[in-house]
PDB file of N, CA and C in Angstrom:
ATOM      1  N   UNK A   1      98.201 109.421  97.361  1.00  0.00           N
ATOM      2  CA  UNK A   1      99.154 109.170  98.440  1.00  0.00           C
ATOM      3  C   UNK A   1      98.386 109.014  99.745  1.00  0.00           C
ATOM      4  N   UNK A   2      98.706 107.979 100.511  1.00  0.00           N
ATOM      5  CA  UNK A   2      98.022 107.765 101.783  1.00  0.00           C
ATOM      6  C   UNK A   2      98.812 108.417 102.909  1.00  0.00           C
ATOM      7  N   UNK A   3      98.099 108.750 103.972  1.00  0.00           N
ATOM      8  CA  UNK A   3      98.733 109.280 105.176  1.00  0.00           C
ATOM      9  C   UNK A   3      98.955 108.116 106.134  1.00  0.00           C
ATOM     10  N   UNK A   4     100.072 108.162 106.850  1.00  0.00           N
ATOM     11  CA  UNK A   4     100.427 107.073 107.751  1.00  0.00           C
ATOM     12  C   UNK A   4     100.580 107.592 109.170  1.00  0.00           C
ATOM     13  N   UNK A   5     100.041 106.850 110.118  1.00  0.00           N
ATOM     14  CA  UNK A   5     100.150 107.206 111.530  1.00  0.00           C
ATOM     15  C   UNK A   5     100.814 106.048 112.265  1.00  0.00           C
ATOM     16  N   UNK A   6     101.990 106.324 112.831  1.00  0.00           N
ATOM     17  CA  UNK A   6     102.754 105.300 113.546  1.00  0.00           C
ATOM     18  C   UNK A   6     102.593 105.473 115.050  1.00  0.00           C
ATOM     19  N   UNK A   7     102.756 104.384 115.764  1.00  0.00           N
ATOM     20  CA  UNK A   7     102.781 104.448 117.221  1.00  0.00           C
ATOM     21  C   UNK A   7     103.515 103.234 117.762  1.00  0.00           C
ATOM     22  N   UNK A   8     103.928 103.326 119.033  1.00  0.00           N
ATOM     23  CA  UNK A   8     104.479 102.161 119.710  1.00  0.00           C
ATOM     24  C   UNK A   8     105.943 102.200 120.029  1.00  0.00           C
ATOM     25  N   UNK A   9     106.660 103.215 119.620  1.00  0.00           N
ATOM     26  CA  UNK A   9     108.077 103.276 119.942  1.00  0.00           C
ATOM     27  C   UNK A   9     108.292 103.565 121.415  1.00  0.00           C
ATOM     28  N   UNK A  10     109.545 103.500 121.839  1.00  0.00           N
ATOM     29  CA  UNK A  10     109.860 103.799 123.223  1.00  0.00           C
ATOM     30  C   UNK A  10     111.197 103.237 123.645  1.00  0.00           C
ATOM     31  N   UNK A  11     111.401 103.215 124.956  1.00  0.00           N
ATOM     32  CA  UNK A  11     112.641 102.727 125.551  1.00  0.00           C
ATOM     33  C   UNK A  11     112.392 101.363 126.164  1.00  0.00           C
ATOM     34  N   UNK A  12     113.278 100.433 125.870  1.00  0.00           N
ATOM     35  CA  UNK A  12     113.152  99.088 126.413  1.00  0.00           C
ATOM     36  C   UNK A  12     114.540  98.528 126.686  1.00  0.00           C
ATOM     37  N   UNK A  13     114.630  97.644 127.647  1.00  0.00           N
ATOM     38  CA  UNK A  13     115.915  97.000 127.937  1.00  0.00           C
ATOM     39  C   UNK A  13     116.187  95.889 126.934  1.00  0.00           C
ATOM     40  N   UNK A  14     117.445  95.610 126.743  1.00  0.00           N
ATOM     41  CA  UNK A  14     117.831  94.506 125.863  1.00  0.00           C
ATOM     42  C   UNK A  14     117.133  93.213 126.301  1.00  0.00           C
ATOM     43  N   UNK A  15     116.634  92.482 125.314  1.00  0.00           N
ATOM     44  CA  UNK A  15     115.887  91.267 125.595  1.00  0.00           C
ATOM     45  C   UNK A  15     114.397  91.480 125.689  1.00  0.00           C
ATOM     46  N   UNK A  16     113.990  92.734 125.751  1.00  0.00           N
ATOM     47  CA  UNK A  16     112.578  93.059 125.873  1.00  0.00           C
ATOM     48  C   UNK A  16     111.867  93.080 124.537  1.00  0.00           C
ATOM     49  N   UNK A  17     110.597  93.499 124.586  1.00  0.00           N
ATOM     50  CA  UNK A  17     109.740  93.505 123.403  1.00  0.00           C
ATOM     51  C   UNK A  17     109.017  94.842 123.269  1.00  0.00           C
ATOM     52  N   UNK A  18     108.703  95.171 122.036  1.00  0.00           N
ATOM     53  CA  UNK A  18     107.870  96.321 121.705  1.00  0.00           C
ATOM     54  C   UNK A  18     107.017  95.941 120.502  1.00  0.00           C
ATOM     55  N   UNK A  19     105.871  96.621 120.380  1.00  0.00           N
ATOM     56  CA  UNK A  19     105.050  96.450 119.189  1.00  0.00           C
ATOM     57  C   UNK A  19     104.769  97.810 118.578  1.00  0.00           C
ATOM     58  N   UNK A  20     105.088  97.908 117.297  1.00  0.00           N
ATOM     59  CA  UNK A  20     104.809  99.119 116.537  1.00  0.00           C
ATOM     60  C   UNK A  20     103.538  98.921 115.717  1.00  0.00           C
ATOM     61  N   UNK A  21     102.808 100.010 115.543  1.00  0.00           N
ATOM     62  CA  UNK A  21     101.608  99.996 114.713  1.00  0.00           C
ATOM     63  C   UNK A  21     101.682 101.112 113.685  1.00  0.00           C
ATOM     64  N   UNK A  22     101.080 100.874 112.547  1.00  0.00           N
ATOM     65  CA  UNK A  22     101.015 101.901 111.509  1.00  0.00           C
ATOM     66  C   UNK A  22      99.679 101.761 110.795  1.00  0.00           C
ATOM     67  N   UNK A  23      98.913 102.837 110.795  1.00  0.00           N
ATOM     68  CA  UNK A  23      97.616 102.845 110.144  1.00  0.00           C
ATOM     69  C   UNK A  23      97.637 103.771 108.944  1.00  0.00           C
ATOM     70  N   UNK A  24      97.187 103.247 107.821  1.00  0.00           N
ATOM     71  CA  UNK A  24      97.117 104.027 106.587  1.00  0.00           C
ATOM     72  C   UNK A  24      95.717 104.616 106.418  1.00  0.00           C
ATOM     73  N   UNK A  25      95.665 105.781 105.770  1.00  0.00           N
ATOM     74  CA  UNK A  25      94.376 106.463 105.575  1.00  0.00           C
ATOM     75  C   UNK A  25      93.572 105.852 104.441  1.00  0.00           C
ATOM     76  N   UNK A  26      94.206 104.967 103.667  1.00  0.00           N
ATOM     77  CA  UNK A  26      93.512 104.327 102.567  1.00  0.00           C
ATOM     78  C   UNK A  26      94.097 102.970 102.278  1.00  0.00           C
ATOM     79  N   UNK A  27      93.557 102.333 101.252  1.00  0.00           N
ATOM     80  CA  UNK A  27      94.031 100.995 100.890  1.00  0.00           C
ATOM     81  C   UNK A  27      95.424 101.047 100.281  1.00  0.00           C
ATOM     82  N   UNK A  28      96.167 100.004 100.512  1.00  0.00           N
ATOM     83  CA  UNK A  28      97.533  99.912 100.012  1.00  0.00           C
ATOM     84  C   UNK A  28      97.769  98.547  99.385  1.00  0.00           C
ATOM     85  N   UNK A  29      98.782  98.473  98.533  1.00  0.00           N
ATOM     86  CA  UNK A  29      99.152  97.179  97.964  1.00  0.00           C
ATOM     87  C   UNK A  29     100.218  96.493  98.801  1.00  0.00           C
ATOM     88  N   UNK A  30     100.980  97.264  99.528  1.00  0.00           N
ATOM     89  CA  UNK A  30     102.005  96.705 100.412  1.00  0.00           C
ATOM     90  C   UNK A  30     102.381  97.749 101.450  1.00  0.00           C
ATOM     91  N   UNK A  31     102.784  97.277 102.605  1.00  0.00           N
ATOM     92  CA  UNK A  31     103.270  98.164 103.656  1.00  0.00           C
ATOM     93  C   UNK A  31     104.473  97.526 104.317  1.00  0.00           C
ATOM     94  N   UNK A  32     105.288  98.365 104.921  1.00  0.00           N
ATOM     95  CA  UNK A  32     106.470  97.815 105.559  1.00  0.00           C
ATOM     96  C   UNK A  32     107.070  98.754 106.570  1.00  0.00           C
ATOM     97  N   UNK A  33     108.097  98.259 107.218  1.00  0.00           N
ATOM     98  CA  UNK A  33     108.844  99.021 108.205  1.00  0.00           C
ATOM     99  C   UNK A  33     110.299  99.122 107.771  1.00  0.00           C
ATOM    100  N   UNK A  34     110.820 100.324 107.860  1.00  0.00           N
ATOM    101  CA  UNK A  34     112.232 100.595 107.650  1.00  0.00           C
ATOM    102  C   UNK A  34     112.768 101.179 108.957  1.00  0.00           C
ATOM    103  N   UNK A  35     114.078 101.178 109.084  1.00  0.00           N
ATOM    104  CA  UNK A  35     114.676 101.857 110.227  1.00  0.00           C
ATOM    105  C   UNK A  35     115.952 102.561 109.808  1.00  0.00           C
ATOM    106  N   UNK A  36     116.279 103.585 110.569  1.00  0.00           N
ATOM    107  CA  UNK A  36     117.503 104.333 110.310  1.00  0.00           C
ATOM    108  C   UNK A  36     118.173 104.644 111.627  1.00  0.00           C
ATOM    109  N   UNK A  37     119.352 104.075 111.805  1.00  0.00           N
ATOM    110  CA  UNK A  37     120.151 104.333 113.000  1.00  0.00           C
ATOM    111  C   UNK A  37     121.048 105.538 112.733  1.00  0.00           C
ATOM    112  N   UNK A  38     121.518 106.206 113.783  1.00  0.00           N
ATOM    113  CA  UNK A  38     122.381 107.373 113.597  1.00  0.00           C
ATOM    114  C   UNK A  38     123.598 107.041 112.737  1.00  0.00           C
ATOM    115  N   UNK A  39     123.822 107.848 111.723  1.00  0.00           N
ATOM    116  CA  UNK A  39     124.986 107.656 110.864  1.00  0.00           C
ATOM    117  C   UNK A  39     124.873 106.533 109.861  1.00  0.00           C
ATOM    118  N   UNK A  40     123.693 105.919 109.783  1.00  0.00           N
ATOM    119  CA  UNK A  40     123.508 104.801 108.854  1.00  0.00           C
ATOM    120  C   UNK A  40     122.383 105.097 107.873  1.00  0.00           C
ATOM    121  N   UNK A  41     122.356 104.325 106.797  1.00  0.00           N
ATOM    122  CA  UNK A  41     121.308 104.487 105.808  1.00  0.00           C
ATOM    123  C   UNK A  41     120.025 103.816 106.292  1.00  0.00           C
ATOM    124  N   UNK A  42     118.917 104.297 105.761  1.00  0.00           N
ATOM    125  CA  UNK A  42     117.642 103.671 106.061  1.00  0.00           C
ATOM    126  C   UNK A  42     117.604 102.290 105.428  1.00  0.00           C
ATOM    127  N   UNK A  43     117.120 101.295 106.187  1.00  0.00           N
ATOM    128  CA  UNK A  43     117.095  99.932 105.688  1.00  0.00           C
ATOM    129  C   UNK A  43     115.721  99.305 105.882  1.00  0.00           C
ATOM    130  N   UNK A  44     115.376  98.430 104.959  1.00  0.00           N
ATOM    131  CA  UNK A  44     114.119  97.689 105.060  1.00  0.00           C
ATOM    132  C   UNK A  44     114.237  96.633 106.148  1.00  0.00           C
ATOM    133  N   UNK A  45     113.228  96.602 107.031  1.00  0.00           N
ATOM    134  CA  UNK A  45     113.201  95.614 108.102  1.00  0.00           C
ATOM    135  C   UNK A  45     112.218  94.502 107.779  1.00  0.00           C
ATOM    136  N   UNK A  46     111.030  94.886 107.397  1.00  0.00           N
ATOM    137  CA  UNK A  46     110.003  93.886 107.123  1.00  0.00           C
ATOM    138  C   UNK A  46     108.944  94.503 106.214  1.00  0.00           C
ATOM    139  N   UNK A  47     108.336  93.644 105.393  1.00  0.00           N
ATOM    140  CA  UNK A  47     107.350  94.124 104.442  1.00  0.00           C
ATOM    141  C   UNK A  47     106.264  93.064 104.290  1.00  0.00           C
ATOM    142  N   UNK A  48     105.036  93.520 104.063  1.00  0.00           N
ATOM    143  CA  UNK A  48     103.927  92.591 103.880  1.00  0.00           C
ATOM    144  C   UNK A  48     103.029  93.141 102.788  1.00  0.00           C
ATOM    145  N   UNK A  49     102.555  92.262 101.910  1.00  0.00           N
ATOM    146  CA  UNK A  49     101.665  92.725 100.847  1.00  0.00           C
ATOM    147  C   UNK A  49     100.217  92.346 101.137  1.00  0.00           C
ATOM    148  N   UNK A  50      99.327  92.693 100.217  1.00  0.00           N
ATOM    149  CA  UNK A  50      97.901  92.467 100.447  1.00  0.00           C
ATOM    150  C   UNK A  50      97.575  90.981 100.585  1.00  0.00           C
ATOM    151  N   UNK A  51      98.393  90.156  99.960  1.00  0.00           N
ATOM    152  CA  UNK A  51      98.163  88.714 100.042  1.00  0.00           C
ATOM    153  C   UNK A  51      98.693  88.117 101.335  1.00  0.00           C
ATOM    154  N   UNK A  52      99.410  88.946 102.094  1.00  0.00           N
ATOM    155  CA  UNK A  52      99.955  88.463 103.357  1.00  0.00           C
ATOM    156  C   UNK A  52     101.360  87.910 103.255  1.00  0.00           C
ATOM    157  N   UNK A  53     101.946  87.994 102.080  1.00  0.00           N
ATOM    158  CA  UNK A  53     103.331  87.534 101.933  1.00  0.00           C
ATOM    159  C   UNK A  53     104.266  88.514 102.621  1.00  0.00           C
ATOM    160  N   UNK A  54     105.270  87.960 103.285  1.00  0.00           N
ATOM    161  CA  UNK A  54     106.180  88.790 104.070  1.00  0.00           C
ATOM    162  C   UNK A  54     107.627  88.567 103.657  1.00  0.00           C
ATOM    163  N   UNK A  55     108.446  89.543 103.923  1.00  0.00           N
ATOM    164  CA  UNK A  55     109.882  89.371 103.814  1.00  0.00           C
ATOM    165  C   UNK A  55     110.549  90.204 104.904  1.00  0.00           C
ATOM    166  N   UNK A  56     111.698  89.712 105.353  1.00  0.00           N
ATOM    167  CA  UNK A  56     112.404  90.307 106.490  1.00  0.00           C
ATOM    168  C   UNK A  56     113.883  90.501 106.174  1.00  0.00           C
ATOM    169  N   UNK A  57     114.467  91.486 106.826  1.00  0.00           N
ATOM    170  CA  UNK A  57     115.915  91.620 106.804  1.00  0.00           C
ATOM    171  C   UNK A  57     116.517  90.471 107.616  1.00  0.00           C
ATOM    172  N   UNK A  58     117.674  90.003 107.201  1.00  0.00           N
ATOM    173  CA  UNK A  58     118.311  88.889 107.914  1.00  0.00           C
ATOM    174  C   UNK A  58     118.548  89.229 109.378  1.00  0.00           C
ATOM    175  N   UNK A  59     118.806  90.495 109.657  1.00  0.00           N
ATOM    176  CA  UNK A  59     119.152  90.903 111.013  1.00  0.00           C
ATOM    177  C   UNK A  59     117.992  90.768 112.005  1.00  0.00           C
ATOM    178  N   UNK A  60     116.760  90.645 111.502  1.00  0.00           N
ATOM    179  CA  UNK A  60     115.616  90.570 112.406  1.00  0.00           C
ATOM    180  C   UNK A  60     114.831  89.270 112.272  1.00  0.00           C
ATOM    181  N   UNK A  61     115.209  88.421 111.350  1.00  0.00           N
ATOM    182  CA  UNK A  61     114.494  87.151 111.161  1.00  0.00           C
ATOM    183  C   UNK A  61     114.499  86.343 112.452  1.00  0.00           C
ATOM    184  N   UNK A  62     113.334  85.821 112.792  1.00  0.00           N
ATOM    185  CA  UNK A  62     113.207  85.025 114.003  1.00  0.00           C
ATOM    186  C   UNK A  62     112.942  85.852 115.252  1.00  0.00           C
ATOM    187  N   UNK A  63     113.100  87.168 115.159  1.00  0.00           N
ATOM    188  CA  UNK A  63     112.850  88.044 116.318  1.00  0.00           C
ATOM    189  C   UNK A  63     111.681  88.987 116.085  1.00  0.00           C
ATOM    190  N   UNK A  64     111.529  89.458 114.857  1.00  0.00           N
ATOM    191  CA  UNK A  64     110.468  90.408 114.514  1.00  0.00           C
ATOM    192  C   UNK A  64     109.412  89.705 113.657  1.00  0.00           C
ATOM    193  N   UNK A  65     108.167  90.118 113.860  1.00  0.00           N
ATOM    194  CA  UNK A  65     107.067  89.586 113.065  1.00  0.00           C
ATOM    195  C   UNK A  65     106.195  90.730 112.582  1.00  0.00           C
ATOM    196  N   UNK A  66     105.969  90.781 111.276  1.00  0.00           N
ATOM    197  CA  UNK A  66     105.077  91.778 110.709  1.00  0.00           C
ATOM    198  C   UNK A  66     103.741  91.120 110.419  1.00  0.00           C
ATOM    199  N   UNK A  67     102.671  91.853 110.704  1.00  0.00           N
ATOM    200  CA  UNK A  67     101.328  91.342 110.436  1.00  0.00           C
ATOM    201  C   UNK A  67     100.454  92.510 110.014  1.00  0.00           C
ATOM    202  N   UNK A  68      99.273  92.173 109.494  1.00  0.00           N
ATOM    203  CA  UNK A  68      98.392  93.234 109.027  1.00  0.00           C
ATOM    204  C   UNK A  68      96.950  92.926 109.351  1.00  0.00           C
ATOM    205  N   UNK A  69      96.179  93.997 109.539  1.00  0.00           N
ATOM    206  CA  UNK A  69      94.729  93.900 109.658  1.00  0.00           C
ATOM    207  C   UNK A  69      94.169  94.725 108.510  1.00  0.00           C
ATOM    208  N   UNK A  70      93.807  94.035 107.438  1.00  0.00           N
ATOM    209  CA  UNK A  70      93.339  94.721 106.248  1.00  0.00           C
ATOM    210  C   UNK A  70      92.064  95.515 106.461  1.00  0.00           C
ATOM    211  N   UNK A  71      91.255  95.108 107.411  1.00  0.00           N
ATOM    212  CA  UNK A  71      89.985  95.783 107.651  1.00  0.00           C
ATOM    213  C   UNK A  71      90.182  97.226 108.116  1.00  0.00           C
ATOM    214  N   UNK A  72      91.324  97.470 108.773  1.00  0.00           N
ATOM    215  CA  UNK A  72      91.587  98.819 109.289  1.00  0.00           C
ATOM    216  C   UNK A  72      92.878  99.394 108.716  1.00  0.00           C
ATOM    217  N   UNK A  73      93.372  98.781 107.632  1.00  0.00           N
ATOM    218  CA  UNK A  73      94.576  99.295 106.944  1.00  0.00           C
ATOM    219  C   UNK A  73      95.733  99.515 107.905  1.00  0.00           C
ATOM    220  N   UNK A  74      95.962  98.551 108.751  1.00  0.00           N
ATOM    221  CA  UNK A  74      96.991  98.681 109.788  1.00  0.00           C
ATOM    222  C   UNK A  74      97.966  97.519 109.735  1.00  0.00           C
ATOM    223  N   UNK A  75      99.224  97.844 109.926  1.00  0.00           N
ATOM    224  CA  UNK A  75     100.235  96.804 110.080  1.00  0.00           C
ATOM    225  C   UNK A  75     100.859  96.932 111.460  1.00  0.00           C
ATOM    226  N   UNK A  76     101.409  95.825 111.895  1.00  0.00           N
ATOM    227  CA  UNK A  76     102.055  95.758 113.193  1.00  0.00           C
ATOM    228  C   UNK A  76     103.450  95.161 113.022  1.00  0.00           C
ATOM    229  N   UNK A  77     104.347  95.574 113.896  1.00  0.00           N
ATOM    230  CA  UNK A  77     105.666  94.957 113.932  1.00  0.00           C
ATOM    231  C   UNK A  77     105.921  94.545 115.374  1.00  0.00           C
ATOM    232  N   UNK A  78     105.835  93.262 115.625  1.00  0.00           N
ATOM    233  CA  UNK A  78     106.142  92.723 116.952  1.00  0.00           C
ATOM    234  C   UNK A  78     107.635  92.475 117.017  1.00  0.00           C
ATOM    235  N   UNK A  79     108.294  93.137 117.930  1.00  0.00           N
ATOM    236  CA  UNK A  79     109.745  93.045 118.049  1.00  0.00           C
ATOM    237  C   UNK A  79     110.092  92.388 119.382  1.00  0.00           C
ATOM    238  N   UNK A  80     110.683  91.213 119.308  1.00  0.00           N
ATOM    239  CA  UNK A  80     111.084  90.469 120.494  1.00  0.00           C
ATOM    240  C   UNK A  80     112.598  90.350 120.548  1.00  0.00           C
ATOM    241  N   UNK A  81     113.093  89.996 121.702  1.00  0.00           N
ATOM    242  CA  UNK A  81     114.541  89.798 121.896  1.00  0.00           C
ATOM    243  C   UNK A  81     115.322  90.992 121.360  1.00  0.00           C
ATOM    244  N   UNK A  82     114.890  92.165 121.728  1.00  0.00           N
ATOM    245  CA  UNK A  82     115.510  93.376 121.206  1.00  0.00           C
ATOM    246  C   UNK A  82     116.950  93.513 121.666  1.00  0.00           C
ATOM    247  N   UNK A  83     117.765  94.062 120.776  1.00  0.00           N
ATOM    248  CA  UNK A  83     119.188  94.261 121.031  1.00  0.00           C
ATOM    249  C   UNK A  83     119.509  95.749 120.941  1.00  0.00           C
ATOM    250  N   UNK A  84     120.569  96.178 121.585  1.00  0.00           N
ATOM    251  CA  UNK A  84     120.947  97.597 121.476  1.00  0.00           C
ATOM    252  C   UNK A  84     121.126  98.050 120.036  1.00  0.00           C
ATOM    253  N   UNK A  85     121.568  97.152 119.184  1.00  0.00           N
ATOM    254  CA  UNK A  85     121.765  97.521 117.774  1.00  0.00           C
ATOM    255  C   UNK A  85     120.450  97.692 117.018  1.00  0.00           C
ATOM    256  N   UNK A  86     119.327  97.393 117.654  1.00  0.00           N
ATOM    257  CA  UNK A  86     118.028  97.657 117.052  1.00  0.00           C
ATOM    258  C   UNK A  86     117.601  99.106 117.273  1.00  0.00           C
ATOM    259  N   UNK A  87     118.362  99.842 118.059  1.00  0.00           N
ATOM    260  CA  UNK A  87     118.047 101.242 118.313  1.00  0.00           C
ATOM    261  C   UNK A  87     118.074 102.034 117.016  1.00  0.00           C
ATOM    262  N   UNK A  88     116.972 102.717 116.736  1.00  0.00           N
ATOM    263  CA  UNK A  88     116.841 103.462 115.485  1.00  0.00           C
ATOM    264  C   UNK A  88     115.501 104.180 115.469  1.00  0.00           C
ATOM    265  N   UNK A  89     115.332 105.034 114.482  1.00  0.00           N
ATOM    266  CA  UNK A  89     114.008 105.564 114.168  1.00  0.00           C
ATOM    267  C   UNK A  89     113.378 104.609 113.165  1.00  0.00           C
ATOM    268  N   UNK A  90     112.205 104.159 113.493  1.00  0.00           N
ATOM    269  CA  UNK A  90     111.481 103.207 112.647  1.00  0.00           C
ATOM    270  C   UNK A  90     110.415 103.962 111.849  1.00  0.00           C
ATOM    271  N   UNK A  91     110.432 103.733 110.544  1.00  0.00           N
ATOM    272  CA  UNK A  91     109.521 104.417 109.637  1.00  0.00           C
ATOM    273  C   UNK A  91     108.577 103.416 108.976  1.00  0.00           C
ATOM    274  N   UNK A  92     107.327 103.792 108.935  1.00  0.00           N
ATOM    275  CA  UNK A  92     106.344 103.015 108.193  1.00  0.00           C
ATOM    276  C   UNK A  92     106.337 103.483 106.745  1.00  0.00           C
ATOM    277  N   UNK A  93     106.192 102.546 105.838  1.00  0.00           N
ATOM    278  CA  UNK A  93     106.137 102.847 104.414  1.00  0.00           C
ATOM    279  C   UNK A  93     104.931 102.148 103.809  1.00  0.00           C
ATOM    280  N   UNK A  94     104.301 102.811 102.852  1.00  0.00           N
ATOM    281  CA  UNK A  94     103.154 102.201 102.180  1.00  0.00           C
ATOM    282  C   UNK A  94     103.197 102.486 100.693  1.00  0.00           C
ATOM    283  N   UNK A  95     102.825 101.482  99.933  1.00  0.00           N
ATOM    284  CA  UNK A  95     102.668 101.637  98.486  1.00  0.00           C
ATOM    285  C   UNK A  95     101.180 101.646  98.203  1.00  0.00           C
ATOM    286  N   UNK A  96     100.690 102.812  97.762  1.00  0.00           N
ATOM    287  CA  UNK A  96      99.261 102.938  97.505  1.00  0.00           C
ATOM    288  C   UNK A  96      98.867 102.160  96.260  1.00  0.00           C
ATOM    289  N   UNK A  97      97.566 101.951  96.096  1.00  0.00           N
ATOM    290  CA  UNK A  97      97.080 101.199  94.943  1.00  0.00           C
ATOM    291  C   UNK A  97      97.410 101.896  93.621  1.00  0.00           C
ATOM    292  N   UNK A  98      97.605 103.213  93.680  1.00  0.00           N
ATOM    293  CA  UNK A  98      97.959 103.946  92.454  1.00  0.00           C
ATOM    294  C   UNK A  98      99.460 103.999  92.219  1.00  0.00           C
ATOM    295  N   UNK A  99     100.213 103.290  93.077  1.00  0.00           N
ATOM    296  CA  UNK A  99     101.656 103.214  92.896  1.00  0.00           C
ATOM    297  C   UNK A  99     102.457 104.268  93.624  1.00  0.00           C
ATOM    298  N   UNK A 100     101.775 105.182  94.328  1.00  0.00           N
ATOM    299  CA  UNK A 100     102.502 106.234  95.038  1.00  0.00           C
ATOM    300  C   UNK A 100     103.027 105.707  96.374  1.00  0.00           C
ATOM    301  N   UNK A 101     104.200 106.195  96.701  1.00  0.00           N
ATOM    302  CA  UNK A 101     104.905 105.766  97.910  1.00  0.00           C
ATOM    303  C   UNK A 101     104.682 106.784  99.018  1.00  0.00           C
ATOM    304  N   UNK A 102     104.431 106.315 100.242  1.00  0.00           N
ATOM    305  CA  UNK A 102     104.230 107.212 101.379  1.00  0.00           C
ATOM    306  C   UNK A 102     105.090 106.784 102.553  1.00  0.00           C
ATOM    307  N   UNK A 103     105.458 107.775 103.351  1.00  0.00           N
ATOM    308  CA  UNK A 103     106.264 107.513 104.545  1.00  0.00           C
ATOM    309  C   UNK A 103     105.623 108.134 105.772  1.00  0.00           C
ATOM    310  N   UNK A 104     105.764 107.452 106.896  1.00  0.00           N
ATOM    311  CA  UNK A 104     105.368 108.025 108.163  1.00  0.00           C
ATOM    312  C   UNK A 104     106.457 108.928 108.694  1.00  0.00           C
ATOM    313  N   UNK A 105     106.167 109.597 109.811  1.00  0.00           N
ATOM    314  CA  UNK A 105     107.132 110.537 110.382  1.00  0.00           C
ATOM    315  C   UNK A 105     108.220 109.834 111.173  1.00  0.00           C
ATOM    316  N   UNK A 106     107.992 108.598 111.529  1.00  0.00           N
ATOM    317  CA  UNK A 106     108.997 107.838 112.271  1.00  0.00           C
ATOM    318  C   UNK A 106     108.706 107.781 113.759  1.00  0.00           C
ATOM    319  N   UNK A 107     109.100 106.691 114.365  1.00  0.00           N
ATOM    320  CA  UNK A 107     108.962 106.524 115.809  1.00  0.00           C
ATOM    321  C   UNK A 107     110.276 105.950 116.346  1.00  0.00           C
ATOM    322  N   UNK A 108     110.747 106.524 117.439  1.00  0.00           N
ATOM    323  CA  UNK A 108     112.059 106.154 117.973  1.00  0.00           C
ATOM    324  C   UNK A 108     111.963 104.926 118.858  1.00  0.00           C
ATOM    325  N   UNK A 109     112.831 103.978 118.585  1.00  0.00           N
ATOM    326  CA  UNK A 109     112.987 102.795 119.430  1.00  0.00           C
ATOM    327  C   UNK A 109     114.393 102.824 120.002  1.00  0.00           C
ATOM    328  N   UNK A 110     114.481 102.801 121.325  1.00  0.00           N
ATOM    329  CA  UNK A 110     115.765 102.813 121.997  1.00  0.00           C
ATOM    330  C   UNK A 110     115.873 101.568 122.864  1.00  0.00           C
ATOM    331  N   UNK A 111     116.929 100.787 122.639  1.00  0.00           N
ATOM    332  CA  UNK A 111     117.155  99.563 123.402  1.00  0.00           C
ATOM    333  C   UNK A 111     118.405  99.761 124.236  1.00  0.00           C
ATOM    334  N   UNK A 112     118.242  99.719 125.546  1.00  0.00           N
ATOM    335  CA  UNK A 112     119.369  99.946 126.441  1.00  0.00           C
ATOM    336  C   UNK A 112     120.040  98.628 126.805  1.00  0.00           C
ATOM    337  N   UNK A 113     121.290  98.727 127.206  1.00  0.00           N
ATOM    338  CA  UNK A 113     122.044  97.537 127.602  1.00  0.00           C
ATOM    339  C   UNK A 113     121.534  96.998 128.942  1.00  0.00           C
TER     340      UNK A 113
END
C-alpha cells in the first residue's frame, strides 16, 4: 500500500482556478481524484493510468484536467471555471502495482459565490 500526500485545496471565488497535487510514496498503476460534498456520496472526478489514459466525470469535463509526472509519482488536478457545486473534500486515490488501494486524507476545496 502506498502513502499519499495531497496539497492545493483552499477557498476560491466562482470562476477561479485551483491546482491539486498528490504524491505517492511508490509506483502505482493508476491514480485519481474523488470528491465528497456534504451529504453526498464520494464520486470519481478524474483518473489517469500509467499509460496516460484519462477519464473524467461528466460534471467536470472541459473544466478539470488531470495529469501526471511519473518520475516523482505525482498527479495534478487543474481545476478551472470552478463553481460553488464543486465545493467538496477532494481525495486522492491510488492503485498500487500489487493491486492494493490507497486513499489520501483529503483536501477541502471551497468555491464561494
